[in-house]
């Protein structure tokens, strides 16, 4: 590949695509296990883009190798410094997930919804669980229950109405009812 002007975005894009695999391989081989090869490769191309005006012809591969070598050396120095001061051994902070209070509240909500579901007729409960809790479409639920789609819509209408009536004022506290429990199985 011969290029004359790396400051041209189209030319630089071709340059990037032609040398991406080579630069990544150089970073992996020169950088070692302390570096993130994709991030350092990106840094090398960012530096090349910034310095595109300094390219005076010759071998693009050699020019890019020189930039990559310097970027890798700097990244290795930073990694060694992090290792020296102990930052590399710090484990990432774990996702704490829900607190105990949140888990208890969710469990109480699930139990209350189950109690309310038990008070519905079998047909209404089945439609509500398949569509609102498990996320099936009405067409899928109809096929699963062996009924017409309009029957599913009718059962859903009356099931939701009955569920809301049973929940009463606590319905809002249940987080919108059964639909809020989707994904909490």
N, C-alpha and C. Protein backbone atom coordinates (compact mmCIF):
# COMPACT_ATOMS: atom_id res chain seq x y z
N UNK A 1 0.84 -1.17 0.00
CA UNK A 1 0.00 0.00 0.00
C UNK A 1 0.89 1.24 0.00
N UNK A 2 0.67 2.11 -0.92
CA UNK A 2 1.40 3.38 -0.99
C UNK A 2 0.43 4.51 -0.73
N UNK A 3 0.79 5.38 0.17
CA UNK A 3 -0.04 6.55 0.44
C UNK A 3 0.84 7.78 0.38
N UNK A 4 0.25 8.85 -0.01
CA UNK A 4 0.99 10.09 -0.08
C UNK A 4 0.57 11.07 1.00
N UNK A 5 -0.69 11.03 1.41
CA UNK A 5 -1.18 12.03 2.34
C UNK A 5 -2.06 11.36 3.40
N UNK A 6 -1.51 11.02 4.55
CA UNK A 6 -2.27 10.39 5.62
C UNK A 6 -3.22 11.34 6.32
N UNK A 7 -3.14 12.63 6.03
CA UNK A 7 -4.08 13.56 6.64
C UNK A 7 -5.45 13.50 5.98
N UNK A 8 -5.53 12.90 4.80
CA UNK A 8 -6.81 12.71 4.11
C UNK A 8 -7.56 11.59 4.84
N UNK A 9 -8.79 11.85 5.34
CA UNK A 9 -9.52 10.84 6.11
C UNK A 9 -9.75 9.53 5.35
N UNK A 10 -10.00 9.60 4.07
CA UNK A 10 -10.23 8.38 3.29
C UNK A 10 -8.94 7.56 3.20
N UNK A 11 -7.83 8.24 2.97
CA UNK A 11 -6.53 7.56 2.89
C UNK A 11 -6.18 6.96 4.25
N UNK A 12 -6.42 7.71 5.33
CA UNK A 12 -6.10 7.20 6.66
C UNK A 12 -6.97 6.00 7.00
N UNK A 13 -8.24 6.02 6.58
CA UNK A 13 -9.12 4.87 6.82
C UNK A 13 -8.58 3.62 6.14
N UNK A 14 -8.13 3.76 4.88
CA UNK A 14 -7.52 2.61 4.18
C UNK A 14 -6.25 2.16 4.90
N UNK A 15 -5.44 3.11 5.33
CA UNK A 15 -4.22 2.83 6.08
C UNK A 15 -4.55 2.04 7.35
N UNK A 16 -5.55 2.50 8.06
CA UNK A 16 -5.99 1.84 9.30
C UNK A 16 -6.42 0.40 9.03
N UNK A 17 -7.26 0.23 8.05
CA UNK A 17 -7.78 -1.11 7.74
C UNK A 17 -6.66 -2.05 7.28
N UNK A 18 -5.71 -1.51 6.54
CA UNK A 18 -4.62 -2.35 6.02
C UNK A 18 -3.67 -2.79 7.13
N UNK A 19 -3.47 -1.95 8.15
CA UNK A 19 -2.46 -2.25 9.16
C UNK A 19 -3.02 -2.67 10.51
N UNK A 20 -4.32 -2.72 10.67
CA UNK A 20 -4.91 -3.01 11.96
C UNK A 20 -4.41 -4.35 12.53
N UNK A 21 -4.48 -5.39 11.76
CA UNK A 21 -4.06 -6.71 12.26
C UNK A 21 -2.57 -6.71 12.63
N UNK A 22 -1.75 -6.06 11.80
CA UNK A 22 -0.31 -6.02 12.09
C UNK A 22 -0.05 -5.27 13.39
N UNK A 23 -0.69 -4.13 13.56
CA UNK A 23 -0.46 -3.33 14.76
C UNK A 23 -0.93 -4.11 15.99
N UNK A 24 -2.07 -4.76 15.91
CA UNK A 24 -2.54 -5.56 17.04
C UNK A 24 -1.54 -6.66 17.37
N UNK A 25 -1.01 -7.32 16.36
CA UNK A 25 -0.02 -8.37 16.59
C UNK A 25 1.24 -7.79 17.24
N UNK A 26 1.69 -6.63 16.77
CA UNK A 26 2.87 -6.00 17.37
C UNK A 26 2.61 -5.67 18.84
N UNK A 27 1.45 -5.13 19.12
CA UNK A 27 1.12 -4.76 20.49
C UNK A 27 1.10 -5.99 21.38
N UNK A 28 0.52 -7.07 20.90
CA UNK A 28 0.46 -8.30 21.70
C UNK A 28 1.87 -8.82 21.97
N UNK A 29 2.69 -8.85 20.93
CA UNK A 29 4.04 -9.40 21.08
C UNK A 29 4.95 -8.49 21.89
N UNK A 30 4.85 -7.19 21.69
CA UNK A 30 5.73 -6.27 22.39
C UNK A 30 5.21 -5.91 23.78
N UNK A 31 3.91 -5.96 23.96
CA UNK A 31 3.31 -5.44 25.19
C UNK A 31 3.30 -6.38 26.35
N UNK A 32 3.12 -7.65 26.10
CA UNK A 32 3.06 -8.60 27.20
C UNK A 32 1.70 -8.65 27.85
N UNK A 33 1.61 -9.44 28.92
CA UNK A 33 0.31 -9.71 29.53
C UNK A 33 -0.27 -8.57 30.36
N UNK A 34 0.51 -7.56 30.69
CA UNK A 34 -0.01 -6.48 31.52
C UNK A 34 -0.83 -5.46 30.74
N UNK A 35 -0.80 -5.55 29.42
CA UNK A 35 -1.48 -4.54 28.59
C UNK A 35 -2.77 -5.09 28.02
N UNK A 36 -3.69 -4.18 27.78
CA UNK A 36 -4.92 -4.50 27.05
C UNK A 36 -4.60 -4.24 25.58
N UNK A 37 -4.41 -5.29 24.78
CA UNK A 37 -3.94 -5.08 23.40
C UNK A 37 -4.86 -4.23 22.54
N UNK A 38 -6.17 -4.39 22.69
CA UNK A 38 -7.09 -3.60 21.88
C UNK A 38 -7.00 -2.12 22.22
N UNK A 39 -6.90 -1.81 23.50
CA UNK A 39 -6.82 -0.41 23.92
C UNK A 39 -5.51 0.22 23.45
N UNK A 40 -4.41 -0.52 23.56
CA UNK A 40 -3.12 0.03 23.14
C UNK A 40 -3.07 0.18 21.62
N UNK A 41 -3.67 -0.75 20.90
CA UNK A 41 -3.75 -0.64 19.44
C UNK A 41 -4.53 0.62 19.07
N UNK A 42 -5.63 0.85 19.75
CA UNK A 42 -6.41 2.06 19.51
C UNK A 42 -5.57 3.30 19.78
N UNK A 43 -4.83 3.27 20.89
CA UNK A 43 -3.97 4.41 21.23
C UNK A 43 -2.93 4.65 20.14
N UNK A 44 -2.38 3.57 19.58
CA UNK A 44 -1.37 3.70 18.53
C UNK A 44 -1.97 4.38 17.29
N UNK A 45 -3.16 4.00 16.91
CA UNK A 45 -3.79 4.62 15.74
C UNK A 45 -4.21 6.06 16.02
N UNK A 46 -4.60 6.34 17.25
CA UNK A 46 -4.91 7.72 17.60
C UNK A 46 -3.66 8.58 17.47
N UNK A 47 -2.54 8.06 17.97
CA UNK A 47 -1.29 8.79 17.85
C UNK A 47 -0.90 8.95 16.38
N UNK A 48 -1.08 7.91 15.58
CA UNK A 48 -0.76 8.00 14.16
C UNK A 48 -1.63 9.06 13.48
N UNK A 49 -2.88 9.11 13.84
CA UNK A 49 -3.78 10.11 13.26
C UNK A 49 -3.33 11.52 13.63
N UNK A 50 -2.94 11.69 14.90
CA UNK A 50 -2.44 13.01 15.33
C UNK A 50 -1.16 13.40 14.60
N UNK A 51 -0.34 12.41 14.31
CA UNK A 51 0.96 12.68 13.70
C UNK A 51 0.95 12.44 12.19
N UNK A 52 -0.23 12.32 11.59
CA UNK A 52 -0.33 12.03 10.16
C UNK A 52 0.40 13.06 9.31
N UNK A 53 0.43 14.28 9.76
CA UNK A 53 1.09 15.33 8.98
C UNK A 53 2.61 15.17 8.97
N UNK A 54 3.14 14.35 9.87
CA UNK A 54 4.60 14.15 9.92
C UNK A 54 5.06 13.05 8.98
N UNK A 55 4.12 12.30 8.41
CA UNK A 55 4.50 11.22 7.49
C UNK A 55 5.01 11.84 6.19
N UNK A 56 6.23 11.50 5.83
CA UNK A 56 6.87 12.09 4.65
C UNK A 56 7.10 11.09 3.53
N UNK A 57 6.30 10.08 3.50
CA UNK A 57 6.49 9.06 2.46
C UNK A 57 7.35 7.93 3.00
N UNK A 58 7.71 7.04 2.14
CA UNK A 58 8.48 5.89 2.58
C UNK A 58 7.54 4.76 2.97
N UNK A 59 8.01 3.92 3.84
CA UNK A 59 7.24 2.75 4.25
C UNK A 59 6.23 3.13 5.33
N UNK A 60 4.94 2.97 5.01
CA UNK A 60 3.89 3.23 5.99
C UNK A 60 3.99 2.24 7.15
N UNK A 61 4.33 1.01 6.81
CA UNK A 61 4.44 -0.04 7.82
C UNK A 61 5.55 0.32 8.83
N UNK A 62 6.69 0.76 8.33
CA UNK A 62 7.81 1.12 9.21
C UNK A 62 7.44 2.33 10.07
N UNK A 63 6.77 3.33 9.46
CA UNK A 63 6.35 4.51 10.20
C UNK A 63 5.39 4.12 11.32
N UNK A 64 4.42 3.24 10.99
CA UNK A 64 3.43 2.82 11.98
C UNK A 64 4.08 1.95 13.06
N UNK A 65 5.05 1.15 12.68
CA UNK A 65 5.75 0.33 13.67
C UNK A 65 6.46 1.23 14.68
N UNK A 66 7.10 2.29 14.21
CA UNK A 66 7.78 3.21 15.12
C UNK A 66 6.81 3.83 16.11
N UNK A 67 5.66 4.25 15.63
CA UNK A 67 4.64 4.82 16.52
C UNK A 67 4.15 3.77 17.51
N UNK A 68 3.87 2.57 16.99
CA UNK A 68 3.38 1.49 17.85
C UNK A 68 4.39 1.16 18.93
N UNK A 69 5.65 1.07 18.55
CA UNK A 69 6.71 0.74 19.50
C UNK A 69 6.75 1.77 20.64
N UNK A 70 6.63 3.05 20.32
CA UNK A 70 6.66 4.09 21.35
C UNK A 70 5.40 4.05 22.23
N UNK A 71 4.26 3.83 21.62
CA UNK A 71 3.01 3.75 22.39
C UNK A 71 3.05 2.55 23.33
N UNK A 72 3.55 1.42 22.84
CA UNK A 72 3.65 0.22 23.68
C UNK A 72 4.62 0.47 24.84
N UNK A 73 5.76 1.10 24.55
CA UNK A 73 6.73 1.38 25.61
C UNK A 73 6.12 2.25 26.70
N UNK A 74 5.37 3.27 26.30
CA UNK A 74 4.71 4.13 27.29
C UNK A 74 3.65 3.35 28.09
N UNK A 75 2.90 2.51 27.41
CA UNK A 75 1.87 1.72 28.09
C UNK A 75 2.50 0.73 29.06
N UNK A 76 3.64 0.14 28.68
CA UNK A 76 4.33 -0.78 29.58
C UNK A 76 4.86 -0.04 30.81
N UNK A 77 5.36 1.18 30.63
CA UNK A 77 5.83 1.95 31.78
C UNK A 77 4.67 2.23 32.75
N UNK A 78 3.54 2.62 32.19
CA UNK A 78 2.37 2.88 33.05
C UNK A 78 1.92 1.60 33.76
N UNK A 79 1.94 0.48 33.04
CA UNK A 79 1.53 -0.80 33.64
C UNK A 79 2.50 -1.21 34.74
N UNK A 80 3.79 -1.00 34.51
CA UNK A 80 4.77 -1.36 35.54
C UNK A 80 4.62 -0.47 36.77
N UNK A 81 4.29 0.80 36.55
CA UNK A 81 4.06 1.69 37.67
C UNK A 81 2.84 1.23 38.46
N UNK A 82 1.77 0.88 37.76
CA UNK A 82 0.57 0.38 38.45
C UNK A 82 0.90 -0.90 39.22
N UNK A 83 1.72 -1.75 38.63
CA UNK A 83 2.12 -2.99 39.30
C UNK A 83 2.97 -2.67 40.54
N UNK A 84 3.88 -1.72 40.41
CA UNK A 84 4.76 -1.35 41.51
C UNK A 84 3.98 -0.81 42.70
N UNK A 85 3.00 0.03 42.43
CA UNK A 85 2.24 0.60 43.55
C UNK A 85 1.06 -0.28 43.96
N UNK A 86 0.87 -1.40 43.27
CA UNK A 86 -0.12 -2.38 43.68
C UNK A 86 -1.49 -2.22 43.10
N UNK A 87 -1.65 -1.34 42.14
CA UNK A 87 -2.99 -1.14 41.56
C UNK A 87 -3.42 -2.31 40.69
N UNK A 88 -2.47 -3.05 40.12
CA UNK A 88 -2.85 -4.15 39.24
C UNK A 88 -3.48 -5.31 40.01
N UNK A 89 -3.21 -5.39 41.32
CA UNK A 89 -3.75 -6.49 42.10
C UNK A 89 -5.12 -6.20 42.68
N UNK A 90 -5.55 -4.94 42.57
CA UNK A 90 -6.86 -4.60 43.08
C UNK A 90 -7.93 -5.22 42.20
N UNK A 91 -8.73 -6.03 42.82
CA UNK A 91 -9.83 -6.64 42.07
C UNK A 91 -10.88 -5.57 41.80
N UNK A 92 -11.55 -5.66 40.66
CA UNK A 92 -12.62 -4.70 40.42
C UNK A 92 -13.70 -4.86 41.48
N UNK A 93 -14.32 -3.75 41.80
CA UNK A 93 -15.38 -3.81 42.79
C UNK A 93 -16.53 -4.66 42.27
N UNK A 94 -16.96 -5.62 43.08
CA UNK A 94 -18.07 -6.46 42.62
C UNK A 94 -19.37 -5.68 42.60
N UNK A 95 -20.25 -6.10 41.73
CA UNK A 95 -21.58 -5.50 41.69
C UNK A 95 -22.31 -5.94 42.95
N UNK A 96 -22.70 -5.02 43.79
CA UNK A 96 -23.30 -5.42 45.06
C UNK A 96 -24.65 -6.10 44.90
N UNK A 97 -25.29 -5.88 43.76
CA UNK A 97 -26.60 -6.49 43.56
C UNK A 97 -27.62 -5.86 44.51
N UNK A 98 -28.77 -6.48 44.61
CA UNK A 98 -29.80 -5.90 45.47
C UNK A 98 -29.42 -6.06 46.95
N UNK A 99 -29.81 -5.09 47.74
CA UNK A 99 -29.56 -5.17 49.18
C UNK A 99 -30.49 -6.19 49.80
N UNK A 100 -30.24 -6.52 51.03
CA UNK A 100 -31.09 -7.49 51.73
C UNK A 100 -32.52 -6.96 51.81
N UNK A 101 -32.66 -5.68 52.09
CA UNK A 101 -34.00 -5.11 52.16
C UNK A 101 -34.72 -5.21 50.82
N UNK A 102 -33.98 -4.95 49.74
CA UNK A 102 -34.59 -5.05 48.41
C UNK A 102 -35.00 -6.49 48.10
N UNK A 103 -34.15 -7.45 48.49
CA UNK A 103 -34.49 -8.86 48.25
C UNK A 103 -35.71 -9.27 49.06
N UNK A 104 -35.79 -8.83 50.31
CA UNK A 104 -36.93 -9.16 51.15
C UNK A 104 -38.21 -8.53 50.59
N UNK A 105 -38.11 -7.28 50.14
CA UNK A 105 -39.28 -6.61 49.56
C UNK A 105 -39.72 -7.32 48.29
N UNK A 106 -38.76 -7.71 47.46
CA UNK A 106 -39.11 -8.41 46.23
C UNK A 106 -39.77 -9.76 46.54
N UNK A 107 -39.25 -10.47 47.53
CA UNK A 107 -39.84 -11.75 47.92
C UNK A 107 -41.27 -11.56 48.44
N UNK A 108 -41.47 -10.54 49.26
CA UNK A 108 -42.80 -10.26 49.78
C UNK A 108 -43.76 -9.91 48.64
N UNK A 109 -43.29 -9.12 47.68
CA UNK A 109 -44.12 -8.75 46.53
C UNK A 109 -44.48 -9.99 45.72
N UNK A 110 -43.49 -10.86 45.51
CA UNK A 110 -43.76 -12.08 44.74
C UNK A 110 -44.79 -12.96 45.45
N UNK A 111 -44.65 -13.07 46.77
CA UNK A 111 -45.60 -13.89 47.53
C UNK A 111 -47.01 -13.31 47.45
N UNK A 112 -47.10 -11.98 47.56
CA UNK A 112 -48.42 -11.34 47.51
C UNK A 112 -49.05 -11.52 46.13
N UNK A 113 -48.25 -11.37 45.09
CA UNK A 113 -48.77 -11.56 43.74
C UNK A 113 -49.24 -13.02 43.58
N UNK A 114 -48.48 -13.96 44.11
CA UNK A 114 -48.88 -15.36 44.01
C UNK A 114 -50.20 -15.60 44.75
N UNK A 115 -50.35 -14.97 45.91
CA UNK A 115 -51.62 -15.09 46.64
C UNK A 115 -52.78 -14.54 45.82
N UNK A 116 -52.57 -13.40 45.18
CA UNK A 116 -53.62 -12.82 44.35
C UNK A 116 -53.92 -13.69 43.14
N UNK A 117 -52.88 -14.25 42.53
CA UNK A 117 -53.08 -15.13 41.38
C UNK A 117 -53.90 -16.37 41.76
N UNK A 118 -53.70 -16.86 42.97
CA UNK A 118 -54.42 -18.05 43.43
C UNK A 118 -55.93 -17.79 43.53
N UNK A 119 -56.30 -16.53 43.67
CA UNK A 119 -57.71 -16.19 43.80
C UNK A 119 -58.40 -16.04 42.44
N UNK A 120 -57.65 -16.05 41.35
CA UNK A 120 -58.23 -15.96 40.01
C UNK A 120 -58.67 -17.34 39.54
N UNK A 121 -59.57 -17.35 38.57
CA UNK A 121 -59.95 -18.64 37.98
C UNK A 121 -58.74 -19.22 37.24
N UNK A 122 -58.75 -20.51 37.02
CA UNK A 122 -57.62 -21.16 36.35
C UNK A 122 -57.36 -20.56 34.97
N UNK A 123 -58.43 -20.30 34.22
CA UNK A 123 -58.29 -19.78 32.86
C UNK A 123 -57.69 -18.36 32.88
N UNK A 124 -58.15 -17.53 33.80
CA UNK A 124 -57.64 -16.17 33.88
C UNK A 124 -56.19 -16.17 34.36
N UNK A 125 -55.90 -17.00 35.37
CA UNK A 125 -54.54 -17.08 35.90
C UNK A 125 -53.58 -17.56 34.80
N UNK A 126 -54.00 -18.55 34.04
CA UNK A 126 -53.15 -19.09 32.97
C UNK A 126 -52.82 -18.02 31.93
N UNK A 127 -53.83 -17.26 31.51
CA UNK A 127 -53.60 -16.20 30.52
C UNK A 127 -52.69 -15.12 31.08
N UNK A 128 -52.92 -14.72 32.30
CA UNK A 128 -52.12 -13.67 32.93
C UNK A 128 -50.65 -14.11 33.10
N UNK A 129 -50.45 -15.32 33.53
CA UNK A 129 -49.09 -15.82 33.74
C UNK A 129 -48.36 -15.94 32.40
N UNK A 130 -49.00 -16.53 31.40
CA UNK A 130 -48.32 -16.72 30.12
C UNK A 130 -47.96 -15.40 29.44
N UNK A 131 -48.87 -14.43 29.47
CA UNK A 131 -48.64 -13.18 28.75
C UNK A 131 -47.88 -12.17 29.61
N UNK A 132 -48.40 -11.89 30.81
CA UNK A 132 -47.80 -10.82 31.61
C UNK A 132 -46.54 -11.26 32.36
N UNK A 133 -46.51 -12.47 32.86
CA UNK A 133 -45.35 -12.89 33.64
C UNK A 133 -44.25 -13.49 32.76
N UNK A 134 -44.63 -14.40 31.87
CA UNK A 134 -43.63 -15.07 31.06
C UNK A 134 -43.32 -14.33 29.76
N UNK A 135 -44.12 -13.35 29.41
CA UNK A 135 -43.81 -12.51 28.26
C UNK A 135 -44.16 -13.09 26.91
N UNK A 136 -45.02 -14.10 26.86
CA UNK A 136 -45.44 -14.65 25.58
C UNK A 136 -46.43 -13.70 24.92
N UNK A 137 -46.46 -13.72 23.61
CA UNK A 137 -47.46 -12.92 22.90
C UNK A 137 -48.81 -13.61 23.04
N UNK A 138 -49.86 -12.87 22.74
CA UNK A 138 -51.20 -13.46 22.82
C UNK A 138 -51.34 -14.61 21.83
N UNK A 139 -50.70 -14.50 20.68
CA UNK A 139 -50.76 -15.57 19.68
C UNK A 139 -50.09 -16.83 20.22
N UNK A 140 -48.93 -16.65 20.84
CA UNK A 140 -48.23 -17.80 21.42
C UNK A 140 -49.05 -18.42 22.55
N UNK A 141 -49.60 -17.56 23.41
CA UNK A 141 -50.39 -18.06 24.52
C UNK A 141 -51.62 -18.82 24.01
N UNK A 142 -52.24 -18.31 22.96
CA UNK A 142 -53.41 -18.99 22.39
C UNK A 142 -53.03 -20.38 21.90
N UNK A 143 -51.90 -20.48 21.22
CA UNK A 143 -51.45 -21.79 20.74
C UNK A 143 -51.13 -22.71 21.90
N UNK A 144 -50.53 -22.18 22.95
CA UNK A 144 -50.18 -23.00 24.10
C UNK A 144 -51.42 -23.48 24.86
N UNK A 145 -52.43 -22.61 24.94
CA UNK A 145 -53.65 -22.96 25.68
C UNK A 145 -54.67 -23.68 24.80
N UNK A 146 -54.46 -23.67 23.48
CA UNK A 146 -55.39 -24.33 22.57
C UNK A 146 -56.70 -23.58 22.42
N UNK A 147 -56.64 -22.24 22.42
CA UNK A 147 -57.84 -21.42 22.27
C UNK A 147 -57.58 -20.38 21.20
N UNK A 148 -58.61 -19.65 20.82
CA UNK A 148 -58.48 -18.58 19.84
C UNK A 148 -57.78 -17.38 20.47
N UNK A 149 -57.12 -16.58 19.64
CA UNK A 149 -56.40 -15.41 20.12
C UNK A 149 -57.35 -14.43 20.81
N UNK A 150 -58.53 -14.25 20.24
CA UNK A 150 -59.50 -13.34 20.87
C UNK A 150 -59.92 -13.83 22.25
N UNK A 151 -59.93 -15.14 22.45
CA UNK A 151 -60.24 -15.69 23.77
C UNK A 151 -59.16 -15.30 24.77
N UNK A 152 -57.90 -15.33 24.32
CA UNK A 152 -56.80 -14.92 25.19
C UNK A 152 -56.95 -13.45 25.56
N UNK A 153 -57.25 -12.61 24.58
CA UNK A 153 -57.43 -11.18 24.87
C UNK A 153 -58.56 -10.96 25.87
N UNK A 154 -59.64 -11.69 25.69
CA UNK A 154 -60.78 -11.56 26.59
C UNK A 154 -60.40 -12.00 28.01
N UNK A 155 -59.73 -13.15 28.10
CA UNK A 155 -59.32 -13.63 29.42
C UNK A 155 -58.33 -12.67 30.08
N UNK A 156 -57.44 -12.12 29.29
CA UNK A 156 -56.47 -11.15 29.84
C UNK A 156 -57.18 -9.92 30.38
N UNK A 157 -58.15 -9.43 29.64
CA UNK A 157 -58.88 -8.24 30.07
C UNK A 157 -59.52 -8.48 31.43
N UNK A 158 -60.25 -9.59 31.54
CA UNK A 158 -60.95 -9.88 32.79
C UNK A 158 -59.99 -10.29 33.90
N UNK A 159 -58.89 -10.95 33.55
CA UNK A 159 -57.90 -11.34 34.57
C UNK A 159 -57.21 -10.12 35.15
N UNK A 160 -56.84 -9.18 34.30
CA UNK A 160 -56.18 -7.96 34.78
C UNK A 160 -57.13 -7.13 35.64
N UNK A 161 -58.38 -7.08 35.21
CA UNK A 161 -59.39 -6.34 35.96
C UNK A 161 -59.59 -6.98 37.34
N UNK A 162 -59.69 -8.31 37.38
CA UNK A 162 -59.89 -9.02 38.65
C UNK A 162 -58.65 -8.89 39.54
N UNK A 163 -57.48 -8.98 38.94
CA UNK A 163 -56.24 -8.85 39.69
C UNK A 163 -56.15 -7.48 40.34
N UNK A 164 -56.45 -6.44 39.57
CA UNK A 164 -56.42 -5.08 40.11
C UNK A 164 -57.42 -4.89 41.23
N UNK A 165 -58.62 -5.48 41.07
CA UNK A 165 -59.64 -5.36 42.11
C UNK A 165 -59.20 -6.08 43.38
N UNK A 166 -58.60 -7.25 43.23
CA UNK A 166 -58.11 -7.99 44.39
C UNK A 166 -56.96 -7.26 45.08
N UNK A 167 -56.08 -6.64 44.30
CA UNK A 167 -54.93 -5.94 44.86
C UNK A 167 -55.35 -4.67 45.57
N UNK A 168 -56.42 -4.05 45.07
CA UNK A 168 -56.92 -2.85 45.70
C UNK A 168 -55.86 -1.76 45.74
N UNK A 169 -55.83 -1.00 46.84
CA UNK A 169 -54.88 0.11 46.94
C UNK A 169 -53.42 -0.35 46.97
N UNK A 170 -53.19 -1.59 47.38
CA UNK A 170 -51.80 -2.07 47.43
C UNK A 170 -51.27 -2.41 46.03
N UNK A 171 -52.12 -2.35 45.01
CA UNK A 171 -51.70 -2.67 43.64
C UNK A 171 -50.52 -1.82 43.19
N UNK A 172 -50.53 -0.55 43.53
CA UNK A 172 -49.41 0.33 43.16
C UNK A 172 -48.15 -0.09 43.90
N UNK A 173 -48.30 -0.52 45.16
CA UNK A 173 -47.14 -0.95 45.94
C UNK A 173 -46.54 -2.24 45.38
N UNK A 174 -47.35 -2.97 44.64
CA UNK A 174 -46.84 -4.20 44.02
C UNK A 174 -46.04 -3.89 42.77
N UNK A 175 -45.82 -2.64 42.50
CA UNK A 175 -44.99 -2.25 41.36
C UNK A 175 -45.69 -2.46 40.04
N UNK A 176 -46.96 -2.22 39.99
CA UNK A 176 -47.66 -2.39 38.74
C UNK A 176 -48.20 -3.79 38.54
N UNK A 177 -48.17 -4.58 39.57
CA UNK A 177 -48.76 -5.91 39.48
C UNK A 177 -47.82 -6.93 38.90
N UNK A 178 -48.41 -7.89 38.27
CA UNK A 178 -47.66 -9.04 37.80
C UNK A 178 -46.66 -8.71 36.70
N UNK A 179 -46.96 -7.71 35.88
CA UNK A 179 -46.03 -7.36 34.80
C UNK A 179 -44.69 -6.90 35.36
N UNK A 180 -44.68 -6.32 36.55
CA UNK A 180 -43.44 -5.86 37.17
C UNK A 180 -42.57 -7.03 37.60
N UNK A 181 -43.14 -8.20 37.71
CA UNK A 181 -42.36 -9.35 38.16
C UNK A 181 -41.66 -10.10 37.03
N UNK A 182 -41.90 -9.69 35.81
CA UNK A 182 -41.25 -10.36 34.67
C UNK A 182 -39.74 -10.30 34.87
N UNK A 183 -39.11 -11.42 34.76
CA UNK A 183 -37.66 -11.48 34.92
C UNK A 183 -37.23 -11.72 36.36
N UNK A 184 -38.15 -11.83 37.29
CA UNK A 184 -37.82 -12.07 38.69
C UNK A 184 -38.06 -13.51 39.09
N UNK A 185 -37.99 -14.41 38.17
CA UNK A 185 -38.30 -15.80 38.51
C UNK A 185 -37.24 -16.41 39.37
